[in-house]
Amino acid sequence: MNHSHQLRALLSRGELLSSREIARRTGISQSTVSRALSGMPDAILIGAGRSARFGLVRQIGTHGTSWPVYRVAESGVVEKLGTLRALAGDFWLMEFIGDDPLYSLGLNNGISEGWPWFLDELRPQGFMGRAFAQTHHRQLGAPADLNRWGSDQFLLASYIFGDDLPGNLMVGEHPIRVPESIYESDWPELAQESVMGRPPGSSAGGERPKFSVGLELVKFARKDDQKGRWADLLVAESTAGEILKEHGIPSAASRIVEVDDLVFLAVRRFDRKPSGGRVGVHSLAAIDGALYGEGSGSWADMADKLYLDGLISPSDQDRIRQVWDFGKAIRNTDMHFGNLGFHPIGGSGFKVAPIYDMVPMAYAPNAAGIPEFEPVTASFNVIQAETMAGQFWKRLTMDSRLSESFRSIAELHLRDMSV
């Protein structure tokens, strides 16, 4: 008697089951289950011994059931990391070519429930991700609304359009190229394209309008937009990066460019090398999802967890705590887990990446209007962070690129700190 139809129906529900569990649920003897599964080409055995489980390989559209995953070195050399397989029930099996203890974190015999954490940066995200979904959803057979995408859509997006996504991992083979720079005089046209939903470049995260040119990610705002507040915040972000660097904390290199009535903040991508090489990067959100499941909270608390688990050095633990306090002191209310990145190092740990998106977001325009001065009420564990914040606000009081209202806010912060 052929039991494959019955076993396939059971496994297609999206569970990974042992032969014993399959026998119990179907009423078929365990030996018969094992023989039937061995003859099913779409059944796959995962693990060995008592932990062995069976799953059902799943086809995604017309693009197969498995895809090679590659890693691009800083030298530009491409190596195959392993093979990714789709299984029923939104399970994904990553079969590494060699031992990879870092990327195996949070996996059970190579199995990830949901999109694998180490490929999380390949997902379309934020402003550029939403525009990508609007442009390509029909080709991918996906919803136009990015919020309705799941793992299958992430796979197709990274497999079909994965030539210049963040980090150094690729699903499928893609050409390694150095993006060409574009004259700054052409940036206003690119800004207009972005506002219309066609931002050029890689699908980086973040909610504000932006586009990618060459090795830079470019944010922009009109000088008269929301009384110039968004332009103020671009200058403030650049200034915060300068302060961090001056205190020995790596920050994403940036520069302010003004063209006509637009202010641009060009941020150098730290996941790319001029020669075409790439650097791995993973957000705290992805790492947390694999290991802790906190979802939100303090960067400082997460740094303590990572340090205690031997995943970051004590110096990086201190650095993250200092940056967290500095962010609080400059009223950055948007320090979510997606805004802190890490480089994988040595196959078993992480190094904090250059700091980015360090902005006093408490002063961003919102539905209630344009916020004015709000004193800092947080306490600080790192005394140096308050000194850094004082330097930040003082520098803003003297910056002629800022609106008078925002310079006034900076002056009030300085006065409040001296009380």
Protein backbone atom coordinates (compact mmCIF):
# COMPACT_ATOMS: atom_id res chain seq x y z
CA MET A 1 0.00 0.00 0.00
CA ASN A 2 1.33 3.45 -0.96
CA HIS A 3 1.23 5.73 2.09
CA SER A 4 3.04 8.69 0.49
CA HIS A 5 -0.17 10.67 -0.11
CA GLN A 6 -1.14 10.41 3.56
CA LEU A 7 2.35 11.32 4.78
CA ARG A 8 2.62 14.23 2.36
CA ALA A 9 -0.73 15.59 3.53
CA LEU A 10 0.48 15.45 7.14
CA LEU A 11 3.85 17.11 6.50
CA SER A 12 2.33 19.79 4.24
CA ARG A 13 0.63 21.23 7.34
CA GLY A 14 3.98 22.76 8.18
CA GLU A 15 5.41 20.73 11.04
CA LEU A 16 8.75 18.98 11.41
CA LEU A 17 8.05 15.54 12.84
CA SER A 18 9.99 12.47 13.90
CA SER A 19 9.13 9.13 12.33
CA ARG A 20 7.72 8.10 15.71
CA GLU A 21 5.40 11.12 15.79
CA ILE A 22 4.33 10.55 12.19
CA ALA A 23 3.53 6.91 13.00
CA ARG A 24 1.49 7.93 16.04
CA ARG A 25 -0.56 10.49 14.11
CA THR A 26 -1.21 8.32 11.05
CA GLY A 27 -1.56 4.90 12.67
CA ILE A 28 1.07 3.52 10.29
CA SER A 29 3.94 1.50 11.73
CA GLN A 30 7.20 3.34 12.20
CA SER A 31 9.10 1.02 9.89
CA THR A 32 6.52 1.52 7.16
CA VAL A 33 6.70 5.32 7.68
CA SER A 34 10.49 5.23 7.26
CA ARG A 35 10.27 3.18 4.06
CA ALA A 36 7.56 5.43 2.59
CA LEU A 37 9.45 8.64 3.41
CA SER A 38 12.64 7.29 1.81
CA GLY A 39 10.73 6.97 -1.44
CA MET A 40 9.32 10.50 -1.38
CA PRO A 41 11.61 12.93 -3.26
CA ASP A 42 10.04 15.97 -1.59
CA ALA A 43 10.54 14.62 1.96
CA ILE A 44 13.76 15.62 3.71
CA LEU A 45 15.44 14.27 6.82
CA ILE A 46 16.89 16.92 9.13
CA GLY A 47 19.28 16.03 11.93
CA ALA A 48 20.18 12.60 13.22
CA GLY A 49 19.42 10.27 16.09
CA ARG A 50 16.76 11.34 18.58
CA SER A 51 16.65 14.87 17.14
CA ALA A 52 15.97 13.70 13.56
CA ARG A 53 12.88 15.23 12.01
CA PHE A 54 11.18 15.02 8.62
CA GLY A 55 9.94 18.00 6.66
CA LEU A 56 8.46 18.62 3.23
CA VAL A 57 10.38 20.59 0.62
CA ARG A 58 8.33 23.48 -0.76
CA GLN A 59 8.34 25.06 -4.21
CA ILE A 60 8.23 28.87 -4.42
CA GLY A 61 6.58 30.00 -7.63
CA THR A 62 8.60 28.83 -10.61
CA HIS A 63 11.91 29.48 -8.87
CA GLY A 64 12.58 26.09 -7.33
CA THR A 65 12.94 24.77 -3.82
CA SER A 66 16.58 25.59 -3.04
CA TRP A 67 18.99 28.45 -3.71
CA PRO A 68 22.73 28.93 -3.21
CA VAL A 69 23.83 31.54 -0.68
CA TYR A 70 27.09 33.38 -1.30
CA ARG A 71 29.33 35.59 0.82
CA VAL A 72 31.39 38.40 -0.74
CA ALA A 73 34.71 39.10 0.97
CA GLU A 74 36.20 42.57 1.43
CA SER A 75 38.59 41.65 -1.39
CA GLY A 76 35.65 41.03 -3.71
CA VAL A 77 36.15 37.25 -3.76
CA VAL A 78 32.85 35.36 -3.77
CA GLU A 79 32.52 32.11 -1.81
CA LYS A 80 29.54 29.81 -1.46
CA LEU A 81 28.25 29.77 2.10
CA GLY A 82 25.72 26.99 1.59
CA THR A 83 22.28 26.16 0.26
CA LEU A 84 18.95 27.51 1.46
CA ARG A 85 15.87 25.26 1.17
CA ALA A 86 12.22 26.19 1.61
CA LEU A 87 10.14 23.76 3.68
CA ALA A 88 6.44 23.60 4.40
CA GLY A 89 5.22 25.78 7.23
CA ASP A 90 7.60 28.72 6.63
CA PHE A 91 10.57 26.67 7.76
CA TRP A 92 13.91 27.24 6.05
CA LEU A 93 16.83 24.84 6.07
CA MET A 94 20.32 26.33 5.69
CA GLU A 95 22.86 23.67 4.75
CA PHE A 96 26.26 25.26 5.39
CA ILE A 97 29.22 24.00 3.38
CA GLY A 98 31.51 24.29 6.40
CA ASP A 99 31.16 24.85 10.10
CA ASP A 100 29.62 28.27 10.72
CA PRO A 101 28.89 28.72 14.43
CA LEU A 102 27.95 32.40 14.07
CA TYR A 103 25.25 32.05 11.44
CA SER A 104 24.06 28.82 13.09
CA LEU A 105 23.04 30.82 16.17
CA GLY A 106 19.32 30.49 16.75
CA LEU A 107 19.00 27.64 14.25
CA ASN A 108 18.06 24.08 15.18
CA ASN A 109 19.93 21.63 12.97
CA GLY A 110 20.08 24.38 10.37
CA ILE A 111 16.35 25.09 10.61
CA SER A 112 14.93 28.60 10.91
CA GLU A 113 11.26 29.16 11.58
CA GLY A 114 10.61 32.16 9.39
CA TRP A 115 13.13 34.04 7.27
CA PRO A 116 16.69 33.30 8.52
CA TRP A 117 18.03 36.05 10.75
CA PHE A 118 21.38 36.38 8.98
CA LEU A 119 19.56 37.21 5.72
CA ASP A 120 17.35 39.80 7.38
CA GLU A 121 19.24 42.78 5.87
CA LEU A 122 18.25 41.53 2.40
CA ARG A 123 14.58 42.24 3.09
CA PRO A 124 13.10 45.36 1.45
CA GLN A 125 12.63 47.79 4.33
CA GLY A 126 11.60 51.35 5.10
CA PHE A 127 10.99 54.09 2.53
CA MET A 128 13.01 52.44 -0.23
CA GLY A 129 11.52 49.04 0.55
CA ARG A 130 7.97 50.33 0.21
CA ALA A 131 8.85 51.92 -3.13
CA PHE A 132 10.44 48.64 -4.25
CA ALA A 133 7.26 46.74 -3.36
CA GLN A 134 5.10 49.19 -5.29
CA THR A 135 7.34 48.88 -8.36
CA HIS A 136 8.01 45.13 -8.46
CA HIS A 137 5.10 43.45 -6.66
CA ARG A 138 3.45 42.21 -9.85
CA GLN A 139 6.65 40.66 -11.16
CA LEU A 140 7.12 38.92 -7.80
CA GLY A 141 3.49 37.91 -7.41
CA ALA A 142 3.49 39.80 -4.11
CA PRO A 143 1.14 42.32 -2.46
CA ALA A 144 1.80 45.98 -3.23
CA ASP A 145 1.78 46.64 0.53
CA LEU A 146 5.21 45.74 1.95
CA ASN A 147 3.63 45.11 5.38
CA ARG A 148 1.88 42.06 3.90
CA TRP A 149 5.08 40.44 2.65
CA GLY A 150 6.43 37.29 4.20
CA SER A 151 9.41 34.99 3.83
CA ASP A 152 8.51 33.84 0.30
CA GLN A 153 8.46 37.42 -0.97
CA PHE A 154 11.76 38.16 0.82
CA LEU A 155 13.32 35.16 -0.91
CA LEU A 156 12.12 36.18 -4.36
CA ALA A 157 13.17 39.82 -3.89
CA SER A 158 16.69 38.86 -2.78
CA TYR A 159 17.01 36.12 -5.41
CA ILE A 160 15.81 38.18 -8.38
CA PHE A 161 16.92 41.69 -7.36
CA GLY A 162 19.82 40.87 -5.05
CA ASP A 163 22.76 42.49 -6.81
CA ASP A 164 23.26 45.42 -4.40
CA LEU A 165 21.51 44.69 -1.12
CA PRO A 166 22.96 45.64 2.29
CA GLY A 167 25.71 43.50 3.77
CA ASN A 168 27.83 40.87 2.05
CA LEU A 169 25.43 37.95 1.57
CA MET A 170 23.60 37.09 -1.65
CA VAL A 171 20.87 34.58 -2.44
CA GLY A 172 21.72 33.32 -5.90
CA GLU A 173 24.48 34.52 -8.21
CA HIS A 174 24.68 38.24 -8.93
CA PRO A 175 27.33 40.40 -10.57
CA ILE A 176 29.76 42.17 -8.24
CA ARG A 177 30.06 45.74 -9.36
CA VAL A 178 30.97 49.14 -7.99
CA PRO A 179 27.97 51.48 -8.30
CA GLU A 180 28.74 54.55 -10.36
CA SER A 181 28.68 57.95 -8.70
CA ILE A 182 26.30 60.61 -9.99
CA TYR A 183 27.02 64.33 -10.17
CA GLU A 184 25.60 66.26 -7.23
CA SER A 185 23.90 68.63 -9.67
CA ASP A 186 21.71 65.67 -10.67
CA TRP A 187 20.66 64.88 -7.12
CA PRO A 188 17.52 67.08 -7.17
CA GLU A 189 16.20 64.99 -10.07
CA LEU A 190 16.92 61.80 -8.13
CA ALA A 191 15.18 63.28 -5.10
CA GLN A 192 12.11 63.95 -7.23
CA GLU A 193 12.22 60.38 -8.53
CA SER A 194 12.37 59.13 -4.94
CA VAL A 195 9.38 61.20 -3.84
CA MET A 196 7.47 59.74 -6.80
CA GLY A 197 8.24 56.24 -5.56
CA ARG A 198 11.22 55.34 -7.74
CA PRO A 199 14.31 55.71 -5.53
CA PRO A 200 17.45 54.45 -7.29
CA GLY A 201 19.93 52.19 -5.56
CA SER A 202 19.93 49.51 -2.90
CA SER A 203 16.95 48.83 -0.66
CA ALA A 204 18.28 50.29 2.57
CA GLY A 205 16.03 50.74 5.59
CA GLY A 206 14.81 53.93 7.24
CA GLU A 207 11.56 55.83 6.92
CA ARG A 208 12.73 59.16 5.46
CA PRO A 209 13.02 59.73 1.68
CA LYS A 210 16.41 58.71 0.31
CA PHE A 211 18.25 57.24 -2.64
CA SER A 212 21.58 55.53 -3.24
CA VAL A 213 24.36 56.79 -5.51
CA GLY A 214 27.78 55.23 -5.83
CA LEU A 215 28.99 54.28 -2.36
CA GLU A 216 26.70 56.75 -0.58
CA LEU A 217 23.17 56.66 0.74
CA VAL A 218 21.60 60.10 0.35
CA LYS A 219 18.82 61.56 2.50
CA PHE A 220 17.26 64.87 1.56
CA ALA A 221 14.83 67.58 2.60
CA ARG A 222 13.66 70.92 1.24
CA LYS A 223 14.85 73.95 3.14
CA ASP A 224 11.29 75.20 3.53
CA ASP A 225 9.73 71.81 4.36
CA GLN A 226 8.08 71.89 7.81
CA LYS A 227 9.77 75.26 8.43
CA GLY A 228 13.12 73.72 7.62
CA ARG A 229 13.00 71.23 10.50
CA TRP A 230 13.77 68.16 8.40
CA ALA A 231 16.76 69.96 6.88
CA ASP A 232 17.83 70.92 10.43
CA LEU A 233 17.79 67.27 11.44
CA LEU A 234 20.02 66.28 8.51
CA VAL A 235 22.64 68.79 9.68
CA ALA A 236 22.19 67.59 13.26
CA GLU A 237 22.75 63.98 12.19
CA SER A 238 25.99 64.93 10.46
CA THR A 239 27.11 66.86 13.55
CA ALA A 240 26.33 63.94 15.86
CA GLY A 241 28.55 61.73 13.69
CA GLU A 242 31.39 64.24 13.97
CA ILE A 243 31.12 64.31 17.76
CA LEU A 244 31.16 60.52 17.98
CA LYS A 245 34.28 60.30 15.82
CA GLU A 246 36.07 62.93 17.90
CA HIS A 247 35.49 60.73 20.95
CA GLY A 248 36.89 57.62 19.29
CA ILE A 249 33.55 56.04 18.34
CA PRO A 250 33.32 54.97 14.68
CA SER A 251 30.44 56.67 12.91
CA ALA A 252 29.28 56.46 9.32
CA ALA A 253 31.11 59.14 7.33
CA SER A 254 28.72 61.81 6.05
CA ARG A 255 28.64 65.19 4.35
CA ILE A 256 26.07 67.91 3.78
CA VAL A 257 25.45 69.04 0.21
CA GLU A 258 23.15 71.92 -0.70
CA VAL A 259 21.75 72.15 -4.23
CA ASP A 260 19.11 74.79 -5.02
CA ASP A 261 16.47 74.59 -2.30
CA LEU A 262 17.42 71.08 -1.18
CA VAL A 263 19.67 69.89 1.62
CA PHE A 264 21.26 66.45 1.16
CA LEU A 265 22.99 64.28 3.73
CA ALA A 266 25.26 61.81 1.92
CA VAL A 267 26.23 58.90 4.19
CA ARG A 268 29.09 56.64 3.14
CA ARG A 269 28.06 52.96 3.06
CA PHE A 270 30.26 51.00 5.45
CA ASP A 271 29.22 47.67 3.92
CA ARG A 272 31.02 48.42 0.66
CA LYS A 273 34.65 48.78 -0.46
CA PRO A 274 35.67 51.01 -3.39
CA SER A 275 37.12 47.99 -5.20
CA GLY A 276 33.80 46.12 -5.13
CA GLY A 277 34.39 44.16 -1.94
CA ARG A 278 31.69 43.96 0.71
CA VAL A 279 31.49 43.93 4.50
CA GLY A 280 28.97 41.90 6.46
CA VAL A 281 26.49 43.78 8.61
CA HIS A 282 23.58 42.61 10.75
CA SER A 283 21.18 44.75 12.76
CA LEU A 284 20.57 44.33 16.45
CA ALA A 285 16.96 43.58 15.47
CA ALA A 286 18.04 40.52 13.49
CA ILE A 287 20.43 39.28 16.19
CA ASP A 288 17.85 39.81 18.90
CA GLY A 289 15.25 37.93 16.86
CA ALA A 290 17.58 34.95 16.62
CA LEU A 291 18.73 34.88 20.23
CA TYR A 292 16.53 36.76 22.67
CA GLY A 293 13.22 37.87 21.21
CA GLU A 294 13.10 41.12 23.17
CA GLY A 295 11.89 43.15 20.19
CA SER A 296 12.63 46.51 21.79
CA GLY A 297 14.37 48.10 24.74
CA SER A 298 17.72 49.58 25.63
CA TRP A 299 20.79 49.16 23.46
CA ALA A 300 22.80 49.17 26.68
CA ASP A 301 20.86 46.22 28.11
CA MET A 302 21.26 44.29 24.87
CA ALA A 303 25.00 45.04 24.88
CA ASP A 304 25.20 43.45 28.33
CA LYS A 305 23.44 40.32 27.04
CA LEU A 306 25.72 40.05 24.02
CA TYR A 307 28.81 40.51 26.18
CA LEU A 308 27.71 37.90 28.74
CA ASP A 309 27.11 35.45 25.88
CA GLY A 310 30.63 36.08 24.57
CA LEU A 311 29.44 37.66 21.32
CA ILE A 312 30.99 41.13 21.70
CA SER A 313 34.11 42.46 23.42
CA PRO A 314 34.03 44.47 26.68
CA SER A 315 35.17 47.55 24.72
CA ASP A 316 32.19 47.25 22.38
CA GLN A 317 29.90 46.74 25.35
CA ASP A 318 31.17 50.04 26.83
CA ARG A 319 30.97 51.77 23.45
CA ILE A 320 27.33 50.82 22.94
CA ARG A 321 26.44 51.99 26.45
CA GLN A 322 28.15 55.31 25.74
CA VAL A 323 26.34 55.75 22.42
CA TRP A 324 23.01 54.88 24.04
CA ASP A 325 23.50 57.57 26.69
CA PHE A 326 24.66 60.08 24.10
CA GLY A 327 21.52 59.39 22.07
CA LYS A 328 19.32 59.99 25.11
CA ALA A 329 21.20 63.21 25.88
CA ILE A 330 20.58 64.62 22.39
CA ARG A 331 16.91 63.56 22.45
CA ASN A 332 17.17 60.70 19.96
CA THR A 333 13.87 58.97 20.59
CA ASP A 334 14.25 56.56 17.68
CA MET A 335 17.01 54.23 18.88
CA HIS A 336 15.19 51.07 17.88
CA PHE A 337 17.01 47.78 17.30
CA GLY A 338 17.17 48.33 13.55
CA ASN A 339 19.37 51.39 14.06
CA LEU A 340 22.37 49.60 15.55
CA GLY A 341 24.51 47.39 13.34
CA PHE A 342 27.22 44.78 13.86
CA HIS A 343 29.94 43.29 11.68
CA PRO A 344 30.45 39.51 11.96
CA ILE A 345 34.02 38.70 13.00
CA GLY A 346 36.00 35.51 13.35
CA GLY A 347 33.04 33.25 12.68
CA SER A 348 31.82 33.39 16.27
CA GLY A 349 31.19 36.99 17.33
CA PHE A 350 30.35 40.55 16.37
CA LYS A 351 31.97 43.96 16.31
CA VAL A 352 29.78 47.05 16.55
CA ALA A 353 29.50 48.75 13.16
CA PRO A 354 29.87 52.51 12.65
CA ILE A 355 26.99 54.36 14.28
CA TYR A 356 24.31 55.73 11.96
CA ASP A 357 20.95 57.52 12.18
CA MET A 358 21.96 59.34 15.37
CA VAL A 359 19.39 62.16 15.20
CA PRO A 360 17.47 64.19 17.82
CA MET A 361 14.20 62.72 16.56
CA ALA A 362 12.20 64.18 19.44
CA TYR A 363 12.22 67.35 17.32
CA ALA A 364 10.96 65.77 14.11
CA PRO A 365 7.68 67.15 12.73
CA ASN A 366 4.68 65.05 13.68
CA ALA A 367 0.89 65.10 13.49
CA ALA A 368 0.78 67.66 16.30
CA GLY A 369 3.12 70.07 14.53
CA ILE A 370 6.77 70.99 14.97
CA PRO A 371 8.04 70.19 18.47
CA GLU A 372 9.86 72.84 20.46
CA PHE A 373 12.29 72.50 23.36
CA GLU A 374 11.89 69.53 25.68
CA PRO A 375 14.39 69.12 28.51
CA VAL A 376 16.35 65.89 28.93
CA THR A 377 15.10 63.98 31.96
CA ALA A 378 17.01 60.72 31.50
CA SER A 379 19.84 59.67 33.79
CA PHE A 380 23.20 58.65 32.38
CA ASN A 381 25.46 55.74 33.24
CA VAL A 382 28.31 57.08 31.13
CA ILE A 383 29.35 60.56 32.27
CA GLN A 384 31.26 61.25 29.05
CA ALA A 385 28.00 61.03 27.10
CA GLU A 386 26.72 64.21 28.75
CA THR A 387 29.95 66.01 27.84
CA MET A 388 29.56 64.87 24.26
CA ALA A 389 25.96 66.10 24.22
CA GLY A 390 27.10 69.51 25.46
CA GLN A 391 29.56 69.73 22.58
CA PHE A 392 26.82 68.66 20.17
CA TRP A 393 24.35 71.35 21.25
CA LYS A 394 27.03 74.05 21.41
CA ARG A 395 28.12 73.28 17.86
CA LEU A 396 24.52 73.53 16.66
CA THR A 397 24.06 76.97 18.23
CA MET A 398 26.81 78.26 15.94
CA ASP A 399 25.75 76.50 12.73
CA SER A 400 24.39 79.03 10.22
CA ARG A 401 22.86 76.23 8.13
CA LEU A 402 20.23 75.68 10.82
CA SER A 403 16.95 77.52 11.23
CA GLU A 404 16.73 80.12 13.96
CA SER A 405 14.14 78.03 15.83
CA PHE A 406 16.41 74.97 15.97
CA ARG A 407 19.43 77.01 17.06
CA SER A 408 17.23 78.32 19.87
CA ILE A 409 16.46 74.76 20.91
CA ALA A 410 20.18 74.00 21.00
CA GLU A 411 20.78 77.10 23.17
CA LEU A 412 18.07 75.99 25.61
CA HIS A 413 19.66 72.56 25.89
CA LEU A 414 23.03 74.15 26.66
CA ARG A 415 21.45 76.36 29.30
CA ASP A 416 19.56 73.41 30.77
CA MET A 417 22.76 71.36 31.04
CA SER A 418 24.58 74.13 32.88
CA VAL A 419 21.91 74.50 35.57
